Amino acid sequence: MGEAPAQIPTSFGHELRACLRCRLVKTYDQFRDSGCENCPFFKIEDDHERIVDVTTPNFNGFVSDRREINLTHCNILFPGKFAPGCYTLAVSEALPEEMQFICQQARVQYVPPKRI
């Protein structure tokens, strides 16, 4: 995790989705074909039904982190070792409990969205 860059969205239309755990933004087809670079333990490229469980089309804004540029704000918004790529600033949905359990088993942190 965190070394190779994540895929950049190939389209910026309604087919964009964000991972509910790491907030990576890609198209539905990209998640289907290669999963989430930061969350391989979800194995969504093998189980396409999970795309709907672990991603959402409902997110607010996004920022790109290329790591070649010192984007300090990305490190503040997304602490941890995530692959360089496009990330949403906020999701409003929580990861389903079953998927939260998978995070626990993989010993990775999951931070649910803040309720306003």
PDB file of N, CA and C in Angstrom:
ATOM      1  N   MET A   1       0.838  -1.188   0.000  1.00  0.00           N
ATOM      2  CA  MET A   1       0.000   0.000   0.000  1.00  0.00           C
ATOM      3  C   MET A   1       0.876   1.241   0.000  1.00  0.00           C
ATOM      4  N   GLY A   2       0.431   2.242  -0.754  1.00  0.00           N
ATOM      5  CA  GLY A   2       1.050   3.543  -0.660  1.00  0.00           C
ATOM      6  C   GLY A   2       2.227   3.792  -1.589  1.00  0.00           C
ATOM      7  N   GLU A   3       2.762   2.793  -2.280  1.00  0.00           N
ATOM      8  CA  GLU A   3       3.925   3.012  -3.133  1.00  0.00           C
ATOM      9  C   GLU A   3       3.527   3.385  -4.547  1.00  0.00           C
ATOM     10  N   ALA A   4       2.880   2.484  -5.265  1.00  0.00           N
ATOM     11  CA  ALA A   4       2.487   2.729  -6.648  1.00  0.00           C
ATOM     12  C   ALA A   4       1.272   3.645  -6.689  1.00  0.00           C
ATOM     13  N   PRO A   5       1.195   4.520  -7.688  1.00  0.00           N
ATOM     14  CA  PRO A   5       0.036   5.407  -7.779  1.00  0.00           C
ATOM     15  C   PRO A   5      -1.241   4.636  -8.115  1.00  0.00           C
ATOM     16  N   ALA A   6      -2.350   5.142  -7.625  1.00  0.00           N
ATOM     17  CA  ALA A   6      -3.666   4.586  -7.945  1.00  0.00           C
ATOM     18  C   ALA A   6      -4.063   5.074  -9.333  1.00  0.00           C
ATOM     19  N   GLN A   7      -5.007   4.384  -9.942  1.00  0.00           N
ATOM     20  CA  GLN A   7      -5.503   4.815 -11.243  1.00  0.00           C
ATOM     21  C   GLN A   7      -6.184   6.174 -11.103  1.00  0.00           C
ATOM     22  N   ILE A   8      -5.976   7.011 -12.097  1.00  0.00           N
ATOM     23  CA  ILE A   8      -6.661   8.304 -12.172  1.00  0.00           C
ATOM     24  C   ILE A   8      -8.007   8.047 -12.857  1.00  0.00           C
ATOM     25  N   PRO A   9      -9.090   8.679 -12.381  1.00  0.00           N
ATOM     26  CA  PRO A   9     -10.387   8.462 -13.057  1.00  0.00           C
ATOM     27  C   PRO A   9     -10.287   8.738 -14.550  1.00  0.00           C
ATOM     28  N   THR A  10     -10.885   7.854 -15.333  1.00  0.00           N
ATOM     29  CA  THR A  10     -10.861   7.999 -16.787  1.00  0.00           C
ATOM     30  C   THR A  10     -12.009   8.862 -17.280  1.00  0.00           C
ATOM     31  N   SER A  11     -12.905   9.214 -16.369  1.00  0.00           N
ATOM     32  CA  SER A  11     -14.072  10.030 -16.699  1.00  0.00           C
ATOM     33  C   SER A  11     -14.446  10.802 -15.448  1.00  0.00           C
ATOM     34  N   PHE A  12     -15.071  11.938 -15.619  1.00  0.00           N
ATOM     35  CA  PHE A  12     -15.477  12.724 -14.456  1.00  0.00           C
ATOM     36  C   PHE A  12     -16.979  12.958 -14.460  1.00  0.00           C
ATOM     37  N   GLY A  13     -17.729  11.958 -14.884  1.00  0.00           N
ATOM     38  CA  GLY A  13     -19.181  12.038 -14.921  1.00  0.00           C
ATOM     39  C   GLY A  13     -19.824  11.338 -13.742  1.00  0.00           C
ATOM     40  N   HIS A  14     -21.063  10.932 -13.947  1.00  0.00           N
ATOM     41  CA  HIS A  14     -21.859  10.319 -12.880  1.00  0.00           C
ATOM     42  C   HIS A  14     -21.372   8.929 -12.477  1.00  0.00           C
ATOM     43  N   GLU A  15     -20.462   8.321 -13.236  1.00  0.00           N
ATOM     44  CA  GLU A  15     -19.985   6.980 -12.903  1.00  0.00           C
ATOM     45  C   GLU A  15     -18.860   6.967 -11.864  1.00  0.00           C
ATOM     46  N   LEU A  16     -18.447   8.146 -11.375  1.00  0.00           N
ATOM     47  CA  LEU A  16     -17.414   8.203 -10.347  1.00  0.00           C
ATOM     48  C   LEU A  16     -17.939   7.672  -9.023  1.00  0.00           C
ATOM     49  N   ARG A  17     -17.071   6.971  -8.303  1.00  0.00           N
ATOM     50  CA  ARG A  17     -17.401   6.432  -6.989  1.00  0.00           C
ATOM     51  C   ARG A  17     -16.203   6.659  -6.077  1.00  0.00           C
ATOM     52  N   ALA A  18     -16.449   6.684  -4.778  1.00  0.00           N
ATOM     53  CA  ALA A  18     -15.381   6.846  -3.796  1.00  0.00           C
ATOM     54  C   ALA A  18     -15.399   5.665  -2.832  1.00  0.00           C
ATOM     55  N   CYS A  19     -14.227   5.164  -2.512  1.00  0.00           N
ATOM     56  CA  CYS A  19     -14.108   4.088  -1.534  1.00  0.00           C
ATOM     57  C   CYS A  19     -14.525   4.633  -0.168  1.00  0.00           C
ATOM     58  N   LEU A  20     -15.379   3.910   0.531  1.00  0.00           N
ATOM     59  CA  LEU A  20     -15.869   4.368   1.830  1.00  0.00           C
ATOM     60  C   LEU A  20     -14.808   4.274   2.924  1.00  0.00           C
ATOM     61  N   ARG A  21     -13.765   3.499   2.723  1.00  0.00           N
ATOM     62  CA  ARG A  21     -12.707   3.421   3.730  1.00  0.00           C
ATOM     63  C   ARG A  21     -11.630   4.471   3.487  1.00  0.00           C
ATOM     64  N   CYS A  22     -11.020   4.462   2.293  1.00  0.00           N
ATOM     65  CA  CYS A  22      -9.868   5.342   2.060  1.00  0.00           C
ATOM     66  C   CYS A  22     -10.201   6.596   1.258  1.00  0.00           C
ATOM     67  N   ARG A  23     -11.411   6.654   0.675  1.00  0.00           N
ATOM     68  CA  ARG A  23     -11.895   7.798  -0.100  1.00  0.00           C
ATOM     69  C   ARG A  23     -11.279   7.937  -1.491  1.00  0.00           C
ATOM     70  N   LEU A  24     -10.612   6.910  -1.980  1.00  0.00           N
ATOM     71  CA  LEU A  24     -10.067   6.933  -3.340  1.00  0.00           C
ATOM     72  C   LEU A  24     -11.213   7.069  -4.341  1.00  0.00           C
ATOM     73  N   VAL A  25     -11.048   7.935  -5.335  1.00  0.00           N
ATOM     74  CA  VAL A  25     -12.078   8.168  -6.353  1.00  0.00           C
ATOM     75  C   VAL A  25     -11.628   7.574  -7.682  1.00  0.00           C
ATOM     76  N   LYS A  26     -12.490   6.708  -8.234  1.00  0.00           N
ATOM     77  CA  LYS A  26     -12.279   6.124  -9.560  1.00  0.00           C
ATOM     78  C   LYS A  26     -13.660   5.872 -10.163  1.00  0.00           C
ATOM     79  N   THR A  27     -13.679   5.426 -11.403  1.00  0.00           N
ATOM     80  CA  THR A  27     -14.962   5.080 -12.008  1.00  0.00           C
ATOM     81  C   THR A  27     -15.383   3.689 -11.526  1.00  0.00           C
ATOM     82  N   TYR A  28     -16.655   3.389 -11.702  1.00  0.00           N
ATOM     83  CA  TYR A  28     -17.173   2.066 -11.355  1.00  0.00           C
ATOM     84  C   TYR A  28     -16.368   0.995 -12.093  1.00  0.00           C
ATOM     85  N   ASP A  29     -16.142   1.206 -13.384  1.00  0.00           N
ATOM     86  CA  ASP A  29     -15.403   0.222 -14.184  1.00  0.00           C
ATOM     87  C   ASP A  29     -13.982   0.016 -13.672  1.00  0.00           C
ATOM     88  N   GLN A  30     -13.324   1.083 -13.230  1.00  0.00           N
ATOM     89  CA  GLN A  30     -11.965   0.948 -12.697  1.00  0.00           C
ATOM     90  C   GLN A  30     -11.962   0.135 -11.406  1.00  0.00           C
ATOM     91  N   PHE A  31     -12.940   0.392 -10.518  1.00  0.00           N
ATOM     92  CA  PHE A  31     -13.033  -0.417  -9.304  1.00  0.00           C
ATOM     93  C   PHE A  31     -13.315  -1.879  -9.671  1.00  0.00           C
ATOM     94  N   ARG A  32     -14.177  -2.094 -10.654  1.00  0.00           N
ATOM     95  CA  ARG A  32     -14.508  -3.457 -11.079  1.00  0.00           C
ATOM     96  C   ARG A  32     -13.278  -4.178 -11.621  1.00  0.00           C
ATOM     97  N   ASP A  33     -12.496  -3.487 -12.425  1.00  0.00           N
ATOM     98  CA  ASP A  33     -11.357  -4.114 -13.084  1.00  0.00           C
ATOM     99  C   ASP A  33     -10.141  -4.302 -12.180  1.00  0.00           C
ATOM    100  N   SER A  34      -9.881  -3.344 -11.286  1.00  0.00           N
ATOM    101  CA  SER A  34      -8.642  -3.440 -10.498  1.00  0.00           C
ATOM    102  C   SER A  34      -8.830  -3.241  -9.003  1.00  0.00           C
ATOM    103  N   GLY A  35     -10.058  -3.116  -8.532  1.00  0.00           N
ATOM    104  CA  GLY A  35     -10.285  -2.952  -7.099  1.00  0.00           C
ATOM    105  C   GLY A  35      -9.795  -1.612  -6.593  1.00  0.00           C
ATOM    106  N   CYS A  36      -9.542  -1.563  -5.304  1.00  0.00           N
ATOM    107  CA  CYS A  36      -9.043  -0.343  -4.655  1.00  0.00           C
ATOM    108  C   CYS A  36      -7.582  -0.574  -4.277  1.00  0.00           C
ATOM    109  N   GLU A  37      -6.698   0.279  -4.762  1.00  0.00           N
ATOM    110  CA  GLU A  37      -5.268   0.129  -4.501  1.00  0.00           C
ATOM    111  C   GLU A  37      -4.925   0.190  -3.019  1.00  0.00           C
ATOM    112  N   ASN A  38      -5.720   0.902  -2.234  1.00  0.00           N
ATOM    113  CA  ASN A  38      -5.452   1.032  -0.801  1.00  0.00           C
ATOM    114  C   ASN A  38      -6.132  -0.049   0.036  1.00  0.00           C
ATOM    115  N   CYS A  39      -7.129  -0.694  -0.511  1.00  0.00           N
ATOM    116  CA  CYS A  39      -7.943  -1.651   0.248  1.00  0.00           C
ATOM    117  C   CYS A  39      -8.054  -2.992  -0.484  1.00  0.00           C
ATOM    118  N   PRO A  40      -6.930  -3.650  -0.779  1.00  0.00           N
ATOM    119  CA  PRO A  40      -6.985  -4.900  -1.527  1.00  0.00           C
ATOM    120  C   PRO A  40      -7.710  -6.017  -0.787  1.00  0.00           C
ATOM    121  N   PHE A  41      -7.803  -5.905   0.528  1.00  0.00           N
ATOM    122  CA  PHE A  41      -8.467  -6.921   1.354  1.00  0.00           C
ATOM    123  C   PHE A  41      -9.967  -7.001   1.086  1.00  0.00           C
ATOM    124  N   PHE A  42     -10.576  -5.972   0.464  1.00  0.00           N
ATOM    125  CA  PHE A  42     -11.993  -6.045   0.092  1.00  0.00           C
ATOM    126  C   PHE A  42     -12.201  -6.966  -1.118  1.00  0.00           C
ATOM    127  N   LYS A  43     -11.158  -7.160  -1.926  1.00  0.00           N
ATOM    128  CA  LYS A  43     -11.192  -8.046  -3.099  1.00  0.00           C
ATOM    129  C   LYS A  43     -12.373  -7.743  -4.029  1.00  0.00           C
ATOM    130  N   ILE A  44     -12.622  -6.457  -4.257  1.00  0.00           N
ATOM    131  CA  ILE A  44     -13.779  -6.095  -5.083  1.00  0.00           C
ATOM    132  C   ILE A  44     -13.581  -6.416  -6.561  1.00  0.00           C
ATOM    133  N   GLU A  45     -12.322  -6.557  -6.996  1.00  0.00           N
ATOM    134  CA  GLU A  45     -12.110  -6.952  -8.389  1.00  0.00           C
ATOM    135  C   GLU A  45     -12.529  -8.408  -8.607  1.00  0.00           C
ATOM    136  N   ASP A  46     -12.595  -9.199  -7.529  1.00  0.00           N
ATOM    137  CA  ASP A  46     -13.037 -10.596  -7.612  1.00  0.00           C
ATOM    138  C   ASP A  46     -14.523 -10.761  -7.319  1.00  0.00           C
ATOM    139  N   ASP A  47     -15.096  -9.833  -6.552  1.00  0.00           N
ATOM    140  CA  ASP A  47     -16.507  -9.901  -6.159  1.00  0.00           C
ATOM    141  C   ASP A  47     -17.152  -8.563  -6.500  1.00  0.00           C
ATOM    142  N   HIS A  48     -17.649  -8.445  -7.723  1.00  0.00           N
ATOM    143  CA  HIS A  48     -18.170  -7.168  -8.220  1.00  0.00           C
ATOM    144  C   HIS A  48     -19.369  -6.674  -7.433  1.00  0.00           C
ATOM    145  N   GLU A  49     -20.067  -7.548  -6.722  1.00  0.00           N
ATOM    146  CA  GLU A  49     -21.193  -7.126  -5.879  1.00  0.00           C
ATOM    147  C   GLU A  49     -20.707  -6.188  -4.771  1.00  0.00           C
ATOM    148  N   ARG A  50     -19.470  -6.347  -4.358  1.00  0.00           N
ATOM    149  CA  ARG A  50     -18.927  -5.532  -3.264  1.00  0.00           C
ATOM    150  C   ARG A  50     -18.698  -4.077  -3.651  1.00  0.00           C
ATOM    151  N   ILE A  51     -18.640  -3.785  -4.931  1.00  0.00           N
ATOM    152  CA  ILE A  51     -18.404  -2.402  -5.349  1.00  0.00           C
ATOM    153  C   ILE A  51     -19.449  -1.490  -4.718  1.00  0.00           C
ATOM    154  N   VAL A  52     -20.696  -1.921  -4.731  1.00  0.00           N
ATOM    155  CA  VAL A  52     -21.778  -1.115  -4.164  1.00  0.00           C
ATOM    156  C   VAL A  52     -21.667  -1.037  -2.643  1.00  0.00           C
ATOM    157  N   ASP A  53     -21.111  -2.081  -2.004  1.00  0.00           N
ATOM    158  CA  ASP A  53     -20.965  -2.094  -0.547  1.00  0.00           C
ATOM    159  C   ASP A  53     -19.843  -1.195  -0.046  1.00  0.00           C
ATOM    160  N   VAL A  54     -18.746  -1.124  -0.791  1.00  0.00           N
ATOM    161  CA  VAL A  54     -17.570  -0.421  -0.275  1.00  0.00           C
ATOM    162  C   VAL A  54     -17.280   0.906  -0.967  1.00  0.00           C
ATOM    163  N   THR A  55     -18.103   1.275  -1.960  1.00  0.00           N
ATOM    164  CA  THR A  55     -17.927   2.571  -2.617  1.00  0.00           C
ATOM    165  C   THR A  55     -19.264   3.309  -2.662  1.00  0.00           C
ATOM    166  N   THR A  56     -19.198   4.591  -2.926  1.00  0.00           N
ATOM    167  CA  THR A  56     -20.406   5.403  -3.023  1.00  0.00           C
ATOM    168  C   THR A  56     -20.277   6.434  -4.139  1.00  0.00           C
ATOM    169  N   PRO A  57     -21.394   6.742  -4.812  1.00  0.00           N
ATOM    170  CA  PRO A  57     -21.359   7.826  -5.789  1.00  0.00           C
ATOM    171  C   PRO A  57     -21.606   9.180  -5.116  1.00  0.00           C
ATOM    172  N   ASN A  58     -21.910   9.166  -3.818  1.00  0.00           N
ATOM    173  CA  ASN A  58     -22.243  10.387  -3.065  1.00  0.00           C
ATOM    174  C   ASN A  58     -21.041  10.865  -2.261  1.00  0.00           C
ATOM    175  N   PHE A  59     -20.337  11.834  -2.809  1.00  0.00           N
ATOM    176  CA  PHE A  59     -19.184  12.409  -2.118  1.00  0.00           C
ATOM    177  C   PHE A  59     -19.052  13.867  -2.491  1.00  0.00           C
ATOM    178  N   ASN A  60     -18.273  14.598  -1.699  1.00  0.00           N
ATOM    179  CA  ASN A  60     -18.114  16.039  -1.904  1.00  0.00           C
ATOM    180  C   ASN A  60     -16.681  16.400  -2.248  1.00  0.00           C
ATOM    181  N   GLY A  61     -16.503  16.925  -3.452  1.00  0.00           N
ATOM    182  CA  GLY A  61     -15.205  17.426  -3.899  1.00  0.00           C
ATOM    183  C   GLY A  61     -14.141  16.348  -3.942  1.00  0.00           C
ATOM    184  N   PHE A  62     -13.016  16.674  -4.528  1.00  0.00           N
ATOM    185  CA  PHE A  62     -11.882  15.774  -4.445  1.00  0.00           C
ATOM    186  C   PHE A  62     -10.593  16.523  -4.676  1.00  0.00           C
ATOM    187  N   VAL A  63      -9.523  15.893  -4.260  1.00  0.00           N
ATOM    188  CA  VAL A  63      -8.188  16.474  -4.363  1.00  0.00           C
ATOM    189  C   VAL A  63      -7.276  15.393  -4.934  1.00  0.00           C
ATOM    190  N   SER A  64      -6.272  15.812  -5.672  1.00  0.00           N
ATOM    191  CA  SER A  64      -5.321  14.879  -6.251  1.00  0.00           C
ATOM    192  C   SER A  64      -4.011  14.980  -5.491  1.00  0.00           C
ATOM    193  N   ASP A  65      -3.417  13.827  -5.199  1.00  0.00           N
ATOM    194  CA  ASP A  65      -2.132  13.778  -4.504  1.00  0.00           C
ATOM    195  C   ASP A  65      -1.168  12.992  -5.376  1.00  0.00           C
ATOM    196  N   ARG A  66      -0.205  13.686  -5.971  1.00  0.00           N
ATOM    197  CA  ARG A  66       0.748  13.029  -6.871  1.00  0.00           C
ATOM    198  C   ARG A  66       2.041  12.655  -6.165  1.00  0.00           C
ATOM    199  N   ARG A  67       2.264  13.129  -4.989  1.00  0.00           N
ATOM    200  CA  ARG A  67       3.469  12.891  -4.191  1.00  0.00           C
ATOM    201  C   ARG A  67       4.740  13.462  -4.800  1.00  0.00           C
ATOM    202  N   GLU A  68       4.743  13.773  -6.100  1.00  0.00           N
ATOM    203  CA  GLU A  68       5.922  14.447  -6.634  1.00  0.00           C
ATOM    204  C   GLU A  68       5.922  15.905  -6.159  1.00  0.00           C
ATOM    205  N   ILE A  69       4.728  16.382  -5.840  1.00  0.00           N
ATOM    206  CA  ILE A  69       4.561  17.737  -5.335  1.00  0.00           C
ATOM    207  C   ILE A  69       4.312  17.613  -3.834  1.00  0.00           C
ATOM    208  N   ASN A  70       4.806  18.542  -3.053  1.00  0.00           N
ATOM    209  CA  ASN A  70       4.591  18.482  -1.618  1.00  0.00           C
ATOM    210  C   ASN A  70       3.187  18.992  -1.295  1.00  0.00           C
ATOM    211  N   LEU A  71       2.223  18.100  -1.279  1.00  0.00           N
ATOM    212  CA  LEU A  71       0.838  18.472  -0.990  1.00  0.00           C
ATOM    213  C   LEU A  71       0.540  18.194   0.479  1.00  0.00           C
ATOM    214  N   THR A  72       0.992  19.086   1.335  1.00  0.00           N
ATOM    215  CA  THR A  72       0.845  18.904   2.771  1.00  0.00           C
ATOM    216  C   THR A  72      -0.608  18.718   3.164  1.00  0.00           C
ATOM    217  N   HIS A  73      -1.528  19.420   2.510  1.00  0.00           N
ATOM    218  CA  HIS A  73      -2.937  19.292   2.871  1.00  0.00           C
ATOM    219  C   HIS A  73      -3.439  17.866   2.660  1.00  0.00           C
ATOM    220  N   CYS A  74      -2.895  17.147   1.696  1.00  0.00           N
ATOM    221  CA  CYS A  74      -3.313  15.752   1.488  1.00  0.00           C
ATOM    222  C   CYS A  74      -2.898  14.882   2.663  1.00  0.00           C
ATOM    223  N   ASN A  75      -1.723  15.118   3.209  1.00  0.00           N
ATOM    224  CA  ASN A  75      -1.279  14.335   4.346  1.00  0.00           C
ATOM    225  C   ASN A  75      -2.114  14.635   5.589  1.00  0.00           C
ATOM    226  N   ILE A  76      -2.625  15.841   5.695  1.00  0.00           N
ATOM    227  CA  ILE A  76      -3.482  16.194   6.819  1.00  0.00           C
ATOM    228  C   ILE A  76      -4.866  15.577   6.628  1.00  0.00           C
ATOM    229  N   LEU A  77      -5.411  15.667   5.427  1.00  0.00           N
ATOM    230  CA  LEU A  77      -6.736  15.111   5.158  1.00  0.00           C
ATOM    231  C   LEU A  77      -6.745  13.594   5.166  1.00  0.00           C
ATOM    232  N   PHE A  78      -5.672  12.983   4.673  1.00  0.00           N
ATOM    233  CA  PHE A  78      -5.623  11.535   4.519  1.00  0.00           C
ATOM    234  C   PHE A  78      -4.373  10.980   5.184  1.00  0.00           C
ATOM    235  N   PRO A  79      -4.336  10.984   6.522  1.00  0.00           N
ATOM    236  CA  PRO A  79      -3.144  10.449   7.172  1.00  0.00           C
ATOM    237  C   PRO A  79      -3.013   8.957   6.875  1.00  0.00           C
ATOM    238  N   GLY A  80      -1.810   8.488   6.821  1.00  0.00           N
ATOM    239  CA  GLY A  80      -1.587   7.075   6.537  1.00  0.00           C
ATOM    240  C   GLY A  80      -0.890   6.915   5.213  1.00  0.00           C
ATOM    241  N   LYS A  81      -0.688   5.689   4.831  1.00  0.00           N
ATOM    242  CA  LYS A  81       0.039   5.396   3.604  1.00  0.00           C
ATOM    243  C   LYS A  81      -0.939   4.992   2.523  1.00  0.00           C
ATOM    244  N   PHE A  82      -1.454   5.982   1.825  1.00  0.00           N
ATOM    245  CA  PHE A  82      -2.353   5.734   0.707  1.00  0.00           C
ATOM    246  C   PHE A  82      -1.615   6.009  -0.581  1.00  0.00           C
ATOM    247  N   ALA A  83      -1.986   5.292  -1.617  1.00  0.00           N
ATOM    248  CA  ALA A  83      -1.379   5.476  -2.928  1.00  0.00           C
ATOM    249  C   ALA A  83      -1.682   6.873  -3.455  1.00  0.00           C
ATOM    250  N   PRO A  84      -0.737   7.499  -4.149  1.00  0.00           N
ATOM    251  CA  PRO A  84      -1.045   8.767  -4.793  1.00  0.00           C
ATOM    252  C   PRO A  84      -2.214   8.578  -5.749  1.00  0.00           C
ATOM    253  N   GLY A  85      -3.126   9.525  -5.792  1.00  0.00           N
ATOM    254  CA  GLY A  85      -4.290   9.426  -6.657  1.00  0.00           C
ATOM    255  C   GLY A  85      -5.288  10.523  -6.367  1.00  0.00           C
ATOM    256  N   CYS A  86      -6.528  10.334  -6.799  1.00  0.00           N
ATOM    257  CA  CYS A  86      -7.611  11.292  -6.553  1.00  0.00           C
ATOM    258  C   CYS A  86      -8.455  10.801  -5.380  1.00  0.00           C
ATOM    259  N   TYR A  87      -8.708  11.697  -4.441  1.00  0.00           N
ATOM    260  CA  TYR A  87      -9.463  11.357  -3.235  1.00  0.00           C
ATOM    261  C   TYR A  87     -10.568  12.374  -3.004  1.00  0.00           C
ATOM    262  N   THR A  88     -11.684  11.899  -2.456  1.00  0.00           N
ATOM    263  CA  THR A  88     -12.761  12.806  -2.108  1.00  0.00           C
ATOM    264  C   THR A  88     -12.449  13.486  -0.786  1.00  0.00           C
ATOM    265  N   LEU A  89     -13.037  14.651  -0.590  1.00  0.00           N
ATOM    266  CA  LEU A  89     -12.862  15.364   0.664  1.00  0.00           C
ATOM    267  C   LEU A  89     -13.797  14.831   1.737  1.00  0.00           C
ATOM    268  N   ALA A  90     -14.964  14.295   1.337  1.00  0.00           N
ATOM    269  CA  ALA A  90     -15.917  13.800   2.329  1.00  0.00           C
ATOM    270  C   ALA A  90     -16.896  12.810   1.727  1.00  0.00           C
ATOM    271  N   VAL A  91     -17.188  11.772   2.495  1.00  0.00           N
ATOM    272  CA  VAL A  91     -18.282  10.849   2.182  1.00  0.00           C
ATOM    273  C   VAL A  91     -19.264  10.942   3.338  1.00  0.00           C
ATOM    274  N   SER A  92     -20.539  10.680   3.064  1.00  0.00           N
ATOM    275  CA  SER A  92     -21.535  10.777   4.133  1.00  0.00           C
ATOM    276  C   SER A  92     -22.033   9.417   4.590  1.00  0.00           C
ATOM    277  N   GLU A  93     -21.693   8.366   3.856  1.00  0.00           N
ATOM    278  CA  GLU A  93     -22.144   7.020   4.194  1.00  0.00           C
ATOM    279  C   GLU A  93     -21.066   6.282   4.980  1.00  0.00           C
ATOM    280  N   ALA A  94     -21.509   5.396   5.859  1.00  0.00           N
ATOM    281  CA  ALA A  94     -20.579   4.553   6.610  1.00  0.00           C
ATOM    282  C   ALA A  94     -20.385   3.227   5.876  1.00  0.00           C
ATOM    283  N   LEU A  95     -19.262   2.627   6.093  1.00  0.00           N
ATOM    284  CA  LEU A  95     -18.971   1.300   5.562  1.00  0.00           C
ATOM    285  C   LEU A  95     -19.884   0.296   6.272  1.00  0.00           C
ATOM    286  N   PRO A  96     -20.524  -0.614   5.544  1.00  0.00           N
ATOM    287  CA  PRO A  96     -21.383  -1.613   6.187  1.00  0.00           C
ATOM    288  C   PRO A  96     -20.597  -2.414   7.240  1.00  0.00           C
ATOM    289  N   GLU A  97     -21.301  -2.877   8.278  1.00  0.00           N
ATOM    290  CA  GLU A  97     -20.651  -3.586   9.383  1.00  0.00           C
ATOM    291  C   GLU A  97     -19.824  -4.773   8.916  1.00  0.00           C
ATOM    292  N   GLU A  98     -20.332  -5.528   7.947  1.00  0.00           N
ATOM    293  CA  GLU A  98     -19.591  -6.680   7.432  1.00  0.00           C
ATOM    294  C   GLU A  98     -18.238  -6.245   6.862  1.00  0.00           C
ATOM    295  N   MET A  99     -18.226  -5.112   6.169  1.00  0.00           N
ATOM    296  CA  MET A  99     -16.982  -4.610   5.584  1.00  0.00           C
ATOM    297  C   MET A  99     -16.069  -4.024   6.674  1.00  0.00           C
ATOM    298  N   GLN A 100     -16.665  -3.442   7.721  1.00  0.00           N
ATOM    299  CA  GLN A 100     -15.871  -2.964   8.858  1.00  0.00           C
ATOM    300  C   GLN A 100     -15.163  -4.138   9.532  1.00  0.00           C
ATOM    301  N   PHE A 101     -15.853  -5.266   9.608  1.00  0.00           N
ATOM    302  CA  PHE A 101     -15.262  -6.472  10.186  1.00  0.00           C
ATOM    303  C   PHE A 101     -14.073  -6.944   9.348  1.00  0.00           C
ATOM    304  N   ILE A 102     -14.192  -6.849   8.026  1.00  0.00           N
ATOM    305  CA  ILE A 102     -13.074  -7.209   7.145  1.00  0.00           C
ATOM    306  C   ILE A 102     -11.876  -6.299   7.418  1.00  0.00           C
ATOM    307  N   CYS A 103     -12.130  -5.023   7.654  1.00  0.00           N
ATOM    308  CA  CYS A 103     -11.045  -4.092   8.012  1.00  0.00           C
ATOM    309  C   CYS A 103     -10.369  -4.533   9.311  1.00  0.00           C
ATOM    310  N   GLN A 104     -11.176  -4.899  10.306  1.00  0.00           N
ATOM    311  CA  GLN A 104     -10.619  -5.365  11.582  1.00  0.00           C
ATOM    312  C   GLN A 104      -9.757  -6.607  11.378  1.00  0.00           C
ATOM    313  N   GLN A 105     -10.246  -7.546  10.580  1.00  0.00           N
ATOM    314  CA  GLN A 105      -9.485  -8.764  10.313  1.00  0.00           C
ATOM    315  C   GLN A 105      -8.168  -8.459   9.613  1.00  0.00           C
ATOM    316  N   ALA A 106      -8.184  -7.467   8.715  1.00  0.00           N
ATOM    317  CA  ALA A 106      -6.980  -7.081   7.982  1.00  0.00           C
ATOM    318  C   ALA A 106      -6.091  -6.153   8.809  1.00  0.00           C
ATOM    319  N   ARG A 107      -6.566  -5.770   9.993  1.00  0.00           N
ATOM    320  CA  ARG A 107      -5.845  -4.869  10.901  1.00  0.00           C
ATOM    321  C   ARG A 107      -5.520  -3.531  10.257  1.00  0.00           C
ATOM    322  N   VAL A 108      -6.543  -2.970   9.594  1.00  0.00           N
ATOM    323  CA  VAL A 108      -6.419  -1.642   9.016  1.00  0.00           C
ATOM    324  C   VAL A 108      -7.454  -0.726   9.653  1.00  0.00           C
ATOM    325  N   GLN A 109      -7.111   0.527   9.767  1.00  0.00           N
ATOM    326  CA  GLN A 109      -7.984   1.497  10.406  1.00  0.00           C
ATOM    327  C   GLN A 109      -9.136   1.880   9.492  1.00  0.00           C
ATOM    328  N   TYR A 110     -10.313   1.988  10.097  1.00  0.00           N
ATOM    329  CA  TYR A 110     -11.475   2.543   9.397  1.00  0.00           C
ATOM    330  C   TYR A 110     -12.025   3.659  10.269  1.00  0.00           C
ATOM    331  N   VAL A 111     -12.150   4.839   9.695  1.00  0.00           N
ATOM    332  CA  VAL A 111     -12.699   5.990  10.406  1.00  0.00           C
ATOM    333  C   VAL A 111     -14.025   6.345   9.743  1.00  0.00           C
ATOM    334  N   PRO A 112     -15.145   6.122  10.464  1.00  0.00           N
ATOM    335  CA  PRO A 112     -16.446   6.451   9.867  1.00  0.00           C
ATOM    336  C   PRO A 112     -16.594   7.952   9.655  1.00  0.00           C
ATOM    337  N   PRO A 113     -17.472   8.356   8.734  1.00  0.00           N
ATOM    338  CA  PRO A 113     -17.663   9.799   8.513  1.00  0.00           C
ATOM    339  C   PRO A 113     -18.270  10.450   9.746  1.00  0.00           C
ATOM    340  N   LYS A 114     -17.917  11.693   9.953  1.00  0.00           N
ATOM    341  CA  LYS A 114     -18.465  12.442  11.088  1.00  0.00           C
ATOM    342  C   LYS A 114     -19.911  12.807  10.805  1.00  0.00           C
ATOM    343  N   ARG A 115     -20.751  12.639  11.783  1.00  0.00           N
ATOM    344  CA  ARG A 115     -22.164  13.027  11.663  1.00  0.00           C
ATOM    345  C   ARG A 115     -22.299  14.483  12.051  1.00  0.00           C
ATOM    346  N   ILE A 116     -23.009  15.234  11.224  1.00  0.00           N
ATOM    347  CA  ILE A 116     -23.190  16.675  11.494  1.00  0.00           C
ATOM    348  C   ILE A 116     -24.563  16.909  12.058  1.00  0.00           C
TER     349      ILE A 116
END
